[in-house]
Protein backbone atom coordinates (compact mmCIF):
# COMPACT_ATOMS: atom_id res chain seq x y z
CA MET A 1 -136.72 -231.56 78.88
CA GLY A 2 -139.35 -228.84 77.12
CA TYR A 3 -139.58 -225.40 78.04
CA ILE A 4 -143.05 -223.94 78.03
CA THR A 5 -143.44 -220.53 76.77
CA ARG A 6 -146.86 -218.56 75.85
CA VAL A 7 -147.42 -217.29 72.28
CA GLN A 8 -147.63 -213.47 72.31
CA VAL A 9 -149.49 -210.99 69.77
CA ILE A 10 -148.81 -207.20 68.96
CA GLU A 11 -151.95 -205.39 67.58
CA ARG A 12 -150.73 -203.36 64.65
CA ALA A 13 -153.13 -199.72 64.14
CA ASN A 14 -154.07 -201.24 60.26
CA ASN A 15 -155.84 -204.22 61.92
CA ASN A 16 -152.42 -206.35 60.98
CA ARG A 17 -151.14 -208.17 64.00
CA GLN A 18 -147.85 -209.76 64.92
CA PHE A 19 -147.44 -212.90 66.65
CA TYR A 20 -144.31 -213.70 68.88
CA PHE A 21 -143.02 -216.78 70.39
CA ILE A 22 -140.62 -216.34 73.24
CA CYS A 23 -136.61 -218.63 72.82
CA PRO A 24 -136.14 -219.43 77.13
CA ALA A 25 -132.51 -218.47 77.30
CA PRO A 26 -131.61 -221.87 78.72
CA LEU A 27 -132.66 -223.84 75.27
CA ALA A 28 -130.96 -221.14 72.95
CA GLN A 29 -128.15 -221.22 75.72
CA ALA A 30 -128.08 -224.91 74.43
CA LEU A 31 -128.64 -224.92 71.08
CA GLU A 32 -125.67 -221.84 70.68
CA MET A 33 -128.29 -219.78 68.92
CA GLU A 34 -126.51 -216.29 68.00
CA LYS A 35 -128.40 -212.13 67.87
CA GLY A 36 -129.72 -211.72 64.42
CA GLU A 37 -129.62 -216.05 63.37
CA GLU A 38 -132.26 -216.91 61.10
CA VAL A 39 -134.32 -219.38 61.52
CA GLU A 40 -137.48 -221.33 59.76
CA TRP A 41 -140.68 -222.82 61.07
CA VAL A 42 -141.57 -225.81 59.44
CA ILE A 43 -145.60 -227.03 60.42
CA GLU A 44 -145.27 -230.79 60.47
CA ASP A 45 -149.52 -231.59 61.87
CA ARG A 46 -151.64 -229.20 63.35
CA GLU A 47 -149.41 -230.23 66.77
CA THR A 48 -145.96 -230.27 65.67
CA ILE A 49 -143.61 -227.33 64.67
CA VAL A 50 -140.09 -227.47 63.62
CA LEU A 51 -137.77 -224.58 64.37
CA LYS A 52 -134.79 -225.01 61.66
CA ARG A 53 -131.25 -223.24 61.18
CA PRO A 54 -131.07 -223.01 57.41
CA GLY A 55 -127.43 -222.28 56.05
CA GLN A 56 -126.11 -223.56 59.72
CA LYS A 57 -123.39 -225.71 59.95
CA LYS A 58 -123.58 -228.71 62.60
CA ARG A 59 -122.00 -228.46 65.64
CA VAL A 60 -119.46 -231.24 67.43
CA ARG A 61 -118.26 -230.50 71.16
CA GLY A 62 -118.18 -227.20 70.25
CA LYS A 63 -116.87 -226.78 66.96
CA ALA A 64 -118.69 -225.77 63.72
CA LYS A 65 -118.14 -228.84 60.55
CA GLU A 66 -120.13 -229.23 57.36
CA SER A 67 -123.37 -231.79 57.32
CA ARG A 68 -123.58 -234.00 55.01
CA ASP A 69 -125.60 -232.23 52.55
CA GLY A 70 -123.23 -229.82 52.41
CA LYS A 71 -124.93 -227.08 54.33
């Protein structure tokens, strides 16, 4: 299942723009995301962006588990 979201842009006074992508609550809950958690955007091509959780332990049925690469 996919979730559609819109890109939001904030125009700053110094001609600087910030782009925001909203993560829908059901998706964040399914991923067990937490407030303040760091994520990494990886561009695979012009149509595919991957969201990674660097240093995040993998979860197996609600329990944290070290990933195979030690992260």
